[in-house]
Amino acid sequence: MKTMLSTAATGCLFLGLALIATPAAAQGTPEQRAACEQDAYRLCSQYIPDERRTGNCLSRNRVKLSPACRRLFSGRKRR
C-alpha cells in the first residue's frame, strides 16, 4: 500500500510539473519530469502530491535546484 501511494504521489508530481513549470515543460517528456523529481522530494516533499504547491515550492527554491531542473523553471534550453 505504501508503495502504491508513493507511486501515485510521484505521478501527481510529474503531472504538476508538466502543467506548471514552463511552456517547454508542459510537454511533460519523461526526461523533463525526471529532471525535477529528486529536487521535489528534497526541497518540497511536504507539498507532494499537491501539484500547484509543489511547483510553487520548486519555483521559490530555484537557486537550490539541480541544473537540469533549474533549466525547466528558467525556460532556457540546453546548448
N, C-alpha and C. Protein backbone atom coordinates (compact mmCIF):
# COMPACT_ATOMS: atom_id res chain seq x y z
N MET A 1 0.83 -1.19 0.00
CA MET A 1 0.00 0.00 0.00
C MET A 1 0.87 1.25 0.00
N LYS A 2 1.95 1.26 0.80
CA LYS A 2 2.83 2.43 0.87
C LYS A 2 3.48 2.68 -0.49
N THR A 3 3.90 1.61 -1.18
CA THR A 3 4.49 1.75 -2.50
C THR A 3 3.48 2.32 -3.48
N MET A 4 2.25 1.88 -3.39
CA MET A 4 1.21 2.37 -4.28
C MET A 4 0.98 3.87 -4.06
N LEU A 5 0.98 4.31 -2.80
CA LEU A 5 0.81 5.73 -2.50
C LEU A 5 2.00 6.54 -3.01
N SER A 6 3.19 6.01 -2.85
CA SER A 6 4.38 6.69 -3.33
C SER A 6 4.34 6.83 -4.85
N THR A 7 3.92 5.78 -5.54
CA THR A 7 3.80 5.83 -6.99
C THR A 7 2.76 6.85 -7.41
N ALA A 8 1.64 6.91 -6.70
CA ALA A 8 0.60 7.88 -7.01
C ALA A 8 1.11 9.30 -6.78
N ALA A 9 1.84 9.51 -5.71
CA ALA A 9 2.39 10.83 -5.41
C ALA A 9 3.38 11.25 -6.50
N THR A 10 4.22 10.33 -6.92
CA THR A 10 5.18 10.63 -7.98
C THR A 10 4.46 10.98 -9.27
N GLY A 11 3.41 10.23 -9.58
CA GLY A 11 2.63 10.52 -10.78
C GLY A 11 2.00 11.90 -10.72
N CYS A 12 1.47 12.27 -9.58
CA CYS A 12 0.88 13.60 -9.41
C CYS A 12 1.95 14.68 -9.53
N LEU A 13 3.11 14.43 -8.98
CA LEU A 13 4.21 15.37 -9.08
C LEU A 13 4.59 15.60 -10.53
N PHE A 14 4.75 14.51 -11.27
CA PHE A 14 5.09 14.62 -12.69
C PHE A 14 4.04 15.42 -13.44
N LEU A 15 2.80 15.13 -13.19
CA LEU A 15 1.73 15.85 -13.87
C LEU A 15 1.77 17.32 -13.51
N GLY A 16 1.95 17.63 -12.24
CA GLY A 16 2.00 19.01 -11.81
C GLY A 16 3.16 19.76 -12.43
N LEU A 17 4.32 19.14 -12.47
CA LEU A 17 5.48 19.79 -13.07
C LEU A 17 5.26 20.03 -14.56
N ALA A 18 4.62 19.09 -15.20
CA ALA A 18 4.35 19.25 -16.63
C ALA A 18 3.38 20.39 -16.89
N LEU A 19 2.47 20.62 -15.97
CA LEU A 19 1.44 21.63 -16.18
C LEU A 19 1.85 23.03 -15.77
N ILE A 20 2.76 23.15 -14.78
CA ILE A 20 3.03 24.49 -14.26
C ILE A 20 4.42 25.03 -14.50
N ALA A 21 5.36 24.23 -14.88
CA ALA A 21 6.73 24.70 -14.94
C ALA A 21 6.91 25.79 -16.00
N THR A 22 6.91 25.44 -17.25
CA THR A 22 7.08 26.39 -18.34
C THR A 22 6.39 25.81 -19.56
N PRO A 23 6.20 26.60 -20.61
CA PRO A 23 5.62 26.03 -21.82
C PRO A 23 6.44 24.86 -22.35
N ALA A 24 7.76 24.94 -22.27
CA ALA A 24 8.59 23.83 -22.74
C ALA A 24 8.35 22.59 -21.90
N ALA A 25 8.19 22.77 -20.60
CA ALA A 25 7.98 21.62 -19.72
C ALA A 25 6.56 21.10 -19.81
N ALA A 26 5.66 21.91 -20.34
CA ALA A 26 4.26 21.49 -20.44
C ALA A 26 4.12 20.26 -21.32
N GLN A 27 5.12 20.02 -22.18
CA GLN A 27 5.09 18.82 -22.99
C GLN A 27 5.23 17.60 -22.10
N GLY A 28 5.89 17.75 -21.00
CA GLY A 28 5.98 16.69 -20.00
C GLY A 28 6.68 15.44 -20.45
N THR A 29 7.80 15.58 -21.13
CA THR A 29 8.54 14.38 -21.52
C THR A 29 9.07 13.71 -20.26
N PRO A 30 9.32 12.43 -20.34
CA PRO A 30 9.88 11.74 -19.17
C PRO A 30 11.18 12.38 -18.69
N GLU A 31 12.00 12.85 -19.61
CA GLU A 31 13.27 13.48 -19.24
C GLU A 31 13.02 14.77 -18.46
N GLN A 32 12.04 15.55 -18.90
CA GLN A 32 11.73 16.81 -18.21
C GLN A 32 11.20 16.54 -16.81
N ARG A 33 10.31 15.59 -16.72
CA ARG A 33 9.74 15.28 -15.39
C ARG A 33 10.81 14.71 -14.48
N ALA A 34 11.64 13.84 -15.01
CA ALA A 34 12.69 13.22 -14.19
C ALA A 34 13.71 14.25 -13.72
N ALA A 35 13.88 15.34 -14.46
CA ALA A 35 14.86 16.35 -14.09
C ALA A 35 14.58 16.96 -12.73
N CYS A 36 13.31 17.01 -12.33
CA CYS A 36 12.94 17.69 -11.08
C CYS A 36 12.48 16.75 -9.96
N GLU A 37 12.39 15.48 -10.23
CA GLU A 37 11.85 14.56 -9.22
C GLU A 37 12.65 14.60 -7.91
N GLN A 38 13.96 14.46 -7.99
CA GLN A 38 14.77 14.44 -6.77
C GLN A 38 14.72 15.77 -6.04
N ASP A 39 14.71 16.88 -6.80
CA ASP A 39 14.61 18.19 -6.18
C ASP A 39 13.28 18.35 -5.45
N ALA A 40 12.22 17.85 -6.05
CA ALA A 40 10.91 17.96 -5.42
C ALA A 40 10.89 17.19 -4.10
N TYR A 41 11.43 16.00 -4.09
CA TYR A 41 11.47 15.23 -2.84
C TYR A 41 12.39 15.88 -1.81
N ARG A 42 13.51 16.42 -2.26
CA ARG A 42 14.49 17.02 -1.35
C ARG A 42 14.00 18.34 -0.77
N LEU A 43 13.41 19.19 -1.61
CA LEU A 43 13.07 20.54 -1.18
C LEU A 43 11.60 20.75 -0.85
N CYS A 44 10.72 19.94 -1.42
CA CYS A 44 9.28 20.25 -1.36
C CYS A 44 8.42 19.05 -0.98
N SER A 45 8.99 18.08 -0.31
CA SER A 45 8.24 16.85 -0.03
C SER A 45 6.98 17.10 0.77
N GLN A 46 6.94 18.16 1.57
CA GLN A 46 5.75 18.43 2.37
C GLN A 46 4.56 18.83 1.51
N TYR A 47 4.79 19.18 0.24
CA TYR A 47 3.70 19.60 -0.64
C TYR A 47 3.24 18.51 -1.59
N ILE A 48 3.96 17.43 -1.69
CA ILE A 48 3.58 16.32 -2.57
C ILE A 48 2.38 15.62 -1.95
N PRO A 49 1.31 15.35 -2.65
CA PRO A 49 1.10 15.32 -4.09
C PRO A 49 0.40 16.55 -4.67
N ASP A 50 0.31 17.66 -3.96
CA ASP A 50 -0.36 18.86 -4.47
C ASP A 50 0.53 19.50 -5.55
N GLU A 51 0.12 19.35 -6.82
CA GLU A 51 0.95 19.79 -7.94
C GLU A 51 1.23 21.29 -7.89
N ARG A 52 0.22 22.09 -7.61
CA ARG A 52 0.38 23.54 -7.59
C ARG A 52 1.37 23.96 -6.51
N ARG A 53 1.20 23.44 -5.32
CA ARG A 53 2.08 23.83 -4.21
C ARG A 53 3.50 23.29 -4.42
N THR A 54 3.62 22.09 -4.98
CA THR A 54 4.95 21.54 -5.25
C THR A 54 5.67 22.39 -6.29
N GLY A 55 4.96 22.75 -7.34
CA GLY A 55 5.55 23.59 -8.38
C GLY A 55 5.94 24.96 -7.86
N ASN A 56 5.08 25.54 -7.03
CA ASN A 56 5.40 26.84 -6.42
C ASN A 56 6.63 26.73 -5.53
N CYS A 57 6.71 25.66 -4.79
CA CYS A 57 7.86 25.44 -3.91
C CYS A 57 9.15 25.32 -4.73
N LEU A 58 9.10 24.55 -5.81
CA LEU A 58 10.28 24.41 -6.65
C LEU A 58 10.67 25.76 -7.25
N SER A 59 9.69 26.52 -7.67
CA SER A 59 9.95 27.83 -8.24
C SER A 59 10.61 28.76 -7.21
N ARG A 60 10.13 28.72 -5.97
CA ARG A 60 10.71 29.55 -4.90
C ARG A 60 12.14 29.14 -4.58
N ASN A 61 12.46 27.89 -4.83
CA ASN A 61 13.79 27.36 -4.50
C ASN A 61 14.68 27.22 -5.72
N ARG A 62 14.47 28.02 -6.74
CA ARG A 62 15.23 27.91 -7.99
C ARG A 62 16.73 27.83 -7.78
N VAL A 63 17.26 28.64 -6.89
CA VAL A 63 18.71 28.66 -6.70
C VAL A 63 19.24 27.34 -6.12
N LYS A 64 18.38 26.54 -5.52
CA LYS A 64 18.79 25.27 -4.93
C LYS A 64 18.53 24.08 -5.84
N LEU A 65 17.91 24.31 -6.99
CA LEU A 65 17.55 23.22 -7.90
C LEU A 65 18.78 22.69 -8.63
N SER A 66 18.69 21.44 -9.04
CA SER A 66 19.73 20.87 -9.88
C SER A 66 19.75 21.64 -11.20
N PRO A 67 20.87 21.65 -11.91
CA PRO A 67 20.94 22.39 -13.17
C PRO A 67 19.86 21.99 -14.17
N ALA A 68 19.56 20.70 -14.29
CA ALA A 68 18.55 20.25 -15.26
C ALA A 68 17.16 20.78 -14.89
N CYS A 69 16.82 20.74 -13.63
CA CYS A 69 15.51 21.22 -13.19
C CYS A 69 15.45 22.75 -13.29
N ARG A 70 16.53 23.41 -12.93
CA ARG A 70 16.56 24.87 -13.00
C ARG A 70 16.32 25.35 -14.42
N ARG A 71 16.85 24.63 -15.41
CA ARG A 71 16.61 25.00 -16.81
C ARG A 71 15.13 24.96 -17.14
N LEU A 72 14.41 23.99 -16.60
CA LEU A 72 12.97 23.92 -16.86
C LEU A 72 12.24 25.13 -16.31
N PHE A 73 12.64 25.57 -15.13
CA PHE A 73 11.96 26.70 -14.49
C PHE A 73 12.41 28.04 -15.04
N SER A 74 13.57 28.07 -15.69
CA SER A 74 14.03 29.34 -16.26
C SER A 74 13.56 29.50 -17.69
N GLY A 75 13.13 28.40 -18.30
CA GLY A 75 12.67 28.46 -19.68
C GLY A 75 13.80 28.41 -20.70
N ARG A 76 15.02 28.26 -20.22
CA ARG A 76 16.17 28.19 -21.13
C ARG A 76 16.33 26.79 -21.65
N LYS A 77 16.88 26.71 -22.85
CA LYS A 77 17.18 25.41 -23.45
C LYS A 77 18.66 25.12 -23.31
N ARG A 78 18.97 23.84 -23.30
CA ARG A 78 20.36 23.42 -23.22
C ARG A 78 21.09 23.76 -24.50
N ARG A 79 22.35 24.15 -24.38
CA ARG A 79 23.15 24.47 -25.57
C ARG A 79 24.05 23.33 -25.92
